[in-house]
């Protein structure tokens, strides 16, 4: 599990196709790797991946065909948000994020607000089947970042990004037409399952 509070930005160094996906090497940048071991889980652009090799600053991950199918992919040189797995003693600063990407949304519009500390509003369009899980003032993870939805209309939702989030995650470089990994709030999925069994 993760919190959606990004602790570093990495860059995809190289990817090698395998029989069932690919072996991906990520330059972890300034992320502290002192306590990272083989077998640990790291959220990479919102995807929970297992560390299979460590050669600082590089981390290697095996990415399955299923992960490639339901995410926006991992092209060479792409910048990616990174977060180490949650410890039980850690603060839950965002919301509970599993790292299991539900699908890919698209940036519809980005509007920078006036003032140095105003941030920006970004509107996304989710895949239609996921829209039912996205609620106004609910939680959603975009590229692994824990966010609160300000407005929801059909399959579209808007979030506000403060300058801190824009500066310390990859979301600050988004533009209309860009695709992003999203994970809906796990609570919404359990509520649907419970209602379906009544």
Foldseek 3Di string as FASTA:
>chain_A
DFQQPFDFKWWWADWAADPFGIKTKIQRPPPDCPPPDFQFWKQWQLATFTFHDDDPSITITGDGPVNCVAFVDHDHGDMATIDGDDDPPDDNPAHDRPRRFRHKKFWAAKAQDDDPFQAIKTKIFTPQVCLQLADQQFWKRKRSHIFGWNDHDRRMTMTGDTVVRLVRGVVVPDHGGDMITMDGDVVSVVVVVVVVVD
